[in-house]
Amino acid sequence: MPDLSFTSANLLAVTATILLVFVTAGVIYLSAIEWRDRRRAKRPSPLPSGRLSSGRR
């Protein structure tokens, strides 16, 4: 059975890998949110004035 002791280099590599995955996931998430918001902003508004209708005229 292999020895599974962590040296400082192994611990640093694992920490760097976890941080890289976390930052990459965050960038992907923020990019998806921005893409969704840009797509929503390009869509025409259901009301021409952009105000909510109260149902009265």
PDB file of N, CA and C in Angstrom:
ATOM      1  N   MET A   1       0.846  -1.182   0.000  1.00  0.00           N
ATOM      2  CA  MET A   1       0.000   0.000   0.000  1.00  0.00           C
ATOM      3  C   MET A   1       0.890   1.244   0.000  1.00  0.00           C
ATOM      4  N   PRO A   2       0.578   2.242  -0.842  1.00  0.00           N
ATOM      5  CA  PRO A   2       1.438   3.434  -0.924  1.00  0.00           C
ATOM      6  C   PRO A   2       1.287   4.313   0.310  1.00  0.00           C
ATOM      7  N   ASP A   3       2.354   5.029   0.594  1.00  0.00           N
ATOM      8  CA  ASP A   3       2.348   5.958   1.725  1.00  0.00           C
ATOM      9  C   ASP A   3       1.595   7.226   1.312  1.00  0.00           C
ATOM     10  N   LEU A   4       0.561   7.608   2.068  1.00  0.00           N
ATOM     11  CA  LEU A   4      -0.280   8.752   1.720  1.00  0.00           C
ATOM     12  C   LEU A   4       0.015   9.978   2.575  1.00  0.00           C
ATOM     13  N   SER A   5       1.253  10.129   3.021  1.00  0.00           N
ATOM     14  CA  SER A   5       1.585  11.301   3.820  1.00  0.00           C
ATOM     15  C   SER A   5       1.674  12.527   2.905  1.00  0.00           C
ATOM     16  N   PHE A   6       1.195  13.653   3.410  1.00  0.00           N
ATOM     17  CA  PHE A   6       1.199  14.900   2.655  1.00  0.00           C
ATOM     18  C   PHE A   6       2.437  15.709   2.998  1.00  0.00           C
ATOM     19  N   THR A   7       3.203  16.020   1.985  1.00  0.00           N
ATOM     20  CA  THR A   7       4.316  16.939   2.186  1.00  0.00           C
ATOM     21  C   THR A   7       3.786  18.344   1.935  1.00  0.00           C
ATOM     22  N   SER A   8       4.601  19.333   2.220  1.00  0.00           N
ATOM     23  CA  SER A   8       4.153  20.710   2.008  1.00  0.00           C
ATOM     24  C   SER A   8       3.914  20.981   0.520  1.00  0.00           C
ATOM     25  N   ALA A   9       4.695  20.362  -0.349  1.00  0.00           N
ATOM     26  CA  ALA A   9       4.504  20.546  -1.788  1.00  0.00           C
ATOM     27  C   ALA A   9       3.180  19.924  -2.237  1.00  0.00           C
ATOM     28  N   ASN A  10       2.852  18.752  -1.696  1.00  0.00           N
ATOM     29  CA  ASN A  10       1.582  18.117  -2.035  1.00  0.00           C
ATOM     30  C   ASN A  10       0.407  18.945  -1.532  1.00  0.00           C
ATOM     31  N   LEU A  11       0.519  19.461  -0.347  1.00  0.00           N
ATOM     32  CA  LEU A  11      -0.547  20.269   0.229  1.00  0.00           C
ATOM     33  C   LEU A  11      -0.735  21.560  -0.574  1.00  0.00           C
ATOM     34  N   LEU A  12       0.367  22.158  -0.989  1.00  0.00           N
ATOM     35  CA  LEU A  12       0.291  23.363  -1.804  1.00  0.00           C
ATOM     36  C   LEU A  12      -0.343  23.074  -3.165  1.00  0.00           C
ATOM     37  N   ALA A  13      -0.009  21.946  -3.760  1.00  0.00           N
ATOM     38  CA  ALA A  13      -0.585  21.570  -5.058  1.00  0.00           C
ATOM     39  C   ALA A  13      -2.079  21.316  -4.942  1.00  0.00           C
ATOM     40  N   VAL A  14      -2.503  20.654  -3.904  1.00  0.00           N
ATOM     41  CA  VAL A  14      -3.928  20.386  -3.697  1.00  0.00           C
ATOM     42  C   VAL A  14      -4.677  21.693  -3.450  1.00  0.00           C
ATOM     43  N   THR A  15      -4.109  22.567  -2.639  1.00  0.00           N
ATOM     44  CA  THR A  15      -4.737  23.862  -2.356  1.00  0.00           C
ATOM     45  C   THR A  15      -4.847  24.699  -3.630  1.00  0.00           C
ATOM     46  N   ALA A  16      -3.802  24.725  -4.432  1.00  0.00           N
ATOM     47  CA  ALA A  16      -3.820  25.482  -5.683  1.00  0.00           C
ATOM     48  C   ALA A  16      -4.858  24.918  -6.644  1.00  0.00           C
ATOM     49  N   THR A  17      -4.982  23.613  -6.707  1.00  0.00           N
ATOM     50  CA  THR A  17      -5.966  22.988  -7.584  1.00  0.00           C
ATOM     51  C   THR A  17      -7.385  23.320  -7.146  1.00  0.00           C
ATOM     52  N   ILE A  18      -7.648  23.267  -5.853  1.00  0.00           N
ATOM     53  CA  ILE A  18      -8.980  23.599  -5.333  1.00  0.00           C
ATOM     54  C   ILE A  18      -9.312  25.062  -5.613  1.00  0.00           C
ATOM     55  N   LEU A  19      -8.361  25.961  -5.401  1.00  0.00           N
ATOM     56  CA  LEU A  19      -8.596  27.376  -5.683  1.00  0.00           C
ATOM     57  C   LEU A  19      -8.819  27.621  -7.169  1.00  0.00           C
ATOM     58  N   LEU A  20      -8.071  26.934  -8.013  1.00  0.00           N
ATOM     59  CA  LEU A  20      -8.237  27.075  -9.461  1.00  0.00           C
ATOM     60  C   LEU A  20      -9.630  26.632  -9.898  1.00  0.00           C
ATOM     61  N   VAL A  21     -10.104  25.528  -9.366  1.00  0.00           N
ATOM     62  CA  VAL A  21     -11.448  25.042  -9.696  1.00  0.00           C
ATOM     63  C   VAL A  21     -12.503  26.027  -9.191  1.00  0.00           C
ATOM     64  N   PHE A  22     -12.328  26.545  -7.985  1.00  0.00           N
ATOM     65  CA  PHE A  22     -13.281  27.493  -7.412  1.00  0.00           C
ATOM     66  C   PHE A  22     -13.355  28.777  -8.228  1.00  0.00           C
ATOM     67  N   VAL A  23     -12.221  29.334  -8.600  1.00  0.00           N
ATOM     68  CA  VAL A  23     -12.188  30.574  -9.372  1.00  0.00           C
ATOM     69  C   VAL A  23     -12.762  30.346 -10.773  1.00  0.00           C
ATOM     70  N   THR A  24     -12.422  29.212 -11.390  1.00  0.00           N
ATOM     71  CA  THR A  24     -12.954  28.899 -12.717  1.00  0.00           C
ATOM     72  C   THR A  24     -14.470  28.768 -12.684  1.00  0.00           C
ATOM     73  N   ALA A  25     -15.002  28.094 -11.679  1.00  0.00           N
ATOM     74  CA  ALA A  25     -16.452  27.961 -11.546  1.00  0.00           C
ATOM     75  C   ALA A  25     -17.105  29.323 -11.336  1.00  0.00           C
ATOM     76  N   GLY A  26     -16.473  30.195 -10.569  1.00  0.00           N
ATOM     77  CA  GLY A  26     -17.004  31.532 -10.351  1.00  0.00           C
ATOM     78  C   GLY A  26     -17.033  32.355 -11.619  1.00  0.00           C
ATOM     79  N   VAL A  27     -15.982  32.268 -12.420  1.00  0.00           N
ATOM     80  CA  VAL A  27     -15.940  33.009 -13.688  1.00  0.00           C
ATOM     81  C   VAL A  27     -17.010  32.487 -14.642  1.00  0.00           C
ATOM     82  N   ILE A  28     -17.180  31.184 -14.714  1.00  0.00           N
ATOM     83  CA  ILE A  28     -18.214  30.609 -15.575  1.00  0.00           C
ATOM     84  C   ILE A  28     -19.591  31.051 -15.111  1.00  0.00           C
ATOM     85  N   TYR A  29     -19.829  31.054 -13.802  1.00  0.00           N
ATOM     86  CA  TYR A  29     -21.121  31.468 -13.262  1.00  0.00           C
ATOM     87  C   TYR A  29     -21.401  32.935 -13.582  1.00  0.00           C
ATOM     88  N   LEU A  30     -20.428  33.807 -13.340  1.00  0.00           N
ATOM     89  CA  LEU A  30     -20.631  35.233 -13.614  1.00  0.00           C
ATOM     90  C   LEU A  30     -20.799  35.503 -15.108  1.00  0.00           C
ATOM     91  N   SER A  31     -20.099  34.771 -15.946  1.00  0.00           N
ATOM     92  CA  SER A  31     -20.262  34.933 -17.389  1.00  0.00           C
ATOM     93  C   SER A  31     -21.659  34.516 -17.831  1.00  0.00           C
ATOM     94  N   ALA A  32     -22.174  33.441 -17.263  1.00  0.00           N
ATOM     95  CA  ALA A  32     -23.520  32.987 -17.613  1.00  0.00           C
ATOM     96  C   ALA A  32     -24.571  33.996 -17.163  1.00  0.00           C
ATOM     97  N   ILE A  33     -24.398  34.575 -15.984  1.00  0.00           N
ATOM     98  CA  ILE A  33     -25.339  35.579 -15.485  1.00  0.00           C
ATOM     99  C   ILE A  33     -25.304  36.818 -16.376  1.00  0.00           C
ATOM    100  N   GLU A  34     -24.108  37.257 -16.760  1.00  0.00           N
ATOM    101  CA  GLU A  34     -23.996  38.433 -17.611  1.00  0.00           C
ATOM    102  C   GLU A  34     -24.619  38.170 -18.981  1.00  0.00           C
ATOM    103  N   TRP A  35     -24.397  36.977 -19.536  1.00  0.00           N
ATOM    104  CA  TRP A  35     -24.971  36.622 -20.824  1.00  0.00           C
ATOM    105  C   TRP A  35     -26.497  36.634 -20.745  1.00  0.00           C
ATOM    106  N   ARG A  36     -27.048  36.099 -19.641  1.00  0.00           N
ATOM    107  CA  ARG A  36     -28.499  36.078 -19.473  1.00  0.00           C
ATOM    108  C   ARG A  36     -29.055  37.488 -19.342  1.00  0.00           C
ATOM    109  N   ASP A  37     -28.363  38.351 -18.611  1.00  0.00           N
ATOM    110  CA  ASP A  37     -28.823  39.730 -18.448  1.00  0.00           C
ATOM    111  C   ASP A  37     -28.757  40.503 -19.762  1.00  0.00           C
ATOM    112  N   ARG A  38     -27.690  40.301 -20.545  1.00  0.00           N
ATOM    113  CA  ARG A  38     -27.597  40.980 -21.848  1.00  0.00           C
ATOM    114  C   ARG A  38     -28.711  40.511 -22.776  1.00  0.00           C
ATOM    115  N   ARG A  39     -29.009  39.229 -22.753  1.00  0.00           N
ATOM    116  CA  ARG A  39     -30.075  38.693 -23.594  1.00  0.00           C
ATOM    117  C   ARG A  39     -31.431  39.264 -23.163  1.00  0.00           C
ATOM    118  N   ARG A  40     -31.637  39.387 -21.850  1.00  0.00           N
ATOM    119  CA  ARG A  40     -32.886  39.939 -21.328  1.00  0.00           C
ATOM    120  C   ARG A  40     -33.011  41.419 -21.677  1.00  0.00           C
ATOM    121  N   ALA A  41     -31.907  42.161 -21.662  1.00  0.00           N
ATOM    122  CA  ALA A  41     -31.940  43.590 -21.964  1.00  0.00           C
ATOM    123  C   ALA A  41     -32.250  43.842 -23.439  1.00  0.00           C
ATOM    124  N   LYS A  42     -31.853  42.947 -24.327  1.00  0.00           N
ATOM    125  CA  LYS A  42     -32.113  43.115 -25.752  1.00  0.00           C
ATOM    126  C   LYS A  42     -33.565  42.804 -26.105  1.00  0.00           C
ATOM    127  N   ARG A  43     -34.240  42.031 -25.249  1.00  0.00           N
ATOM    128  CA  ARG A  43     -35.622  41.658 -25.513  1.00  0.00           C
ATOM    129  C   ARG A  43     -36.517  42.881 -25.366  1.00  0.00           C
ATOM    130  N   PRO A  44     -37.482  43.090 -26.282  1.00  0.00           N
ATOM    131  CA  PRO A  44     -38.361  44.262 -26.160  1.00  0.00           C
ATOM    132  C   PRO A  44     -39.243  44.175 -24.918  1.00  0.00           C
ATOM    133  N   SER A  45     -39.518  45.322 -24.362  1.00  0.00           N
ATOM    134  CA  SER A  45     -40.347  45.402 -23.164  1.00  0.00           C
ATOM    135  C   SER A  45     -41.798  45.090 -23.522  1.00  0.00           C
ATOM    136  N   PRO A  46     -42.546  44.393 -22.651  1.00  0.00           N
ATOM    137  CA  PRO A  46     -43.948  44.088 -22.960  1.00  0.00           C
ATOM    138  C   PRO A  46     -44.826  45.344 -22.987  1.00  0.00           C
ATOM    139  N   LEU A  47     -44.461  46.378 -22.212  1.00  0.00           N
ATOM    140  CA  LEU A  47     -45.197  47.631 -22.210  1.00  0.00           C
ATOM    141  C   LEU A  47     -44.325  48.708 -22.844  1.00  0.00           C
ATOM    142  N   PRO A  48     -44.848  49.492 -23.765  1.00  0.00           N
ATOM    143  CA  PRO A  48     -44.020  50.492 -24.441  1.00  0.00           C
ATOM    144  C   PRO A  48     -43.401  51.511 -23.492  1.00  0.00           C
ATOM    145  N   SER A  49     -44.100  51.881 -22.436  1.00  0.00           N
ATOM    146  CA  SER A  49     -43.575  52.904 -21.541  1.00  0.00           C
ATOM    147  C   SER A  49     -42.583  52.326 -20.534  1.00  0.00           C
ATOM    148  N   GLY A  50     -42.591  51.009 -20.380  1.00  0.00           N
ATOM    149  CA  GLY A  50     -41.702  50.386 -19.413  1.00  0.00           C
ATOM    150  C   GLY A  50     -42.247  50.413 -17.998  1.00  0.00           C
ATOM    151  N   ARG A  51     -43.445  50.998 -17.809  1.00  0.00           N
ATOM    152  CA  ARG A  51     -44.045  51.048 -16.482  1.00  0.00           C
ATOM    153  C   ARG A  51     -44.976  49.864 -16.305  1.00  0.00           C
ATOM    154  N   LEU A  52     -45.215  49.509 -15.076  1.00  0.00           N
ATOM    155  CA  LEU A  52     -46.160  48.444 -14.774  1.00  0.00           C
ATOM    156  C   LEU A  52     -47.573  48.986 -14.910  1.00  0.00           C
ATOM    157  N   SER A  53     -48.440  48.199 -15.453  1.00  0.00           N
ATOM    158  CA  SER A  53     -49.814  48.609 -15.626  1.00  0.00           C
ATOM    159  C   SER A  53     -50.599  48.346 -14.351  1.00  0.00           C
ATOM    160  N   SER A  54     -51.420  49.306 -13.945  1.00  0.00           N
ATOM    161  CA  SER A  54     -52.234  49.113 -12.750  1.00  0.00           C
ATOM    162  C   SER A  54     -53.597  48.521 -13.098  1.00  0.00           C
ATOM    163  N   GLY A  55     -53.877  48.382 -14.375  1.00  0.00           N
ATOM    164  CA  GLY A  55     -55.154  47.822 -14.791  1.00  0.00           C
ATOM    165  C   GLY A  55     -56.206  48.889 -15.024  1.00  0.00           C
ATOM    166  N   ARG A  56     -55.942  50.151 -14.633  1.00  0.00           N
ATOM    167  CA  ARG A  56     -56.905  51.261 -14.837  1.00  0.00           C
ATOM    168  C   ARG A  56     -56.470  52.090 -16.018  1.00  0.00           C
ATOM    169  N   ARG A  57     -57.440  52.714 -16.638  1.00  0.00           N
ATOM    170  CA  ARG A  57     -57.144  53.622 -17.761  1.00  0.00           C
ATOM    171  C   ARG A  57     -57.837  54.920 -17.565  1.00  0.00           C
TER     172      ARG A  57
END
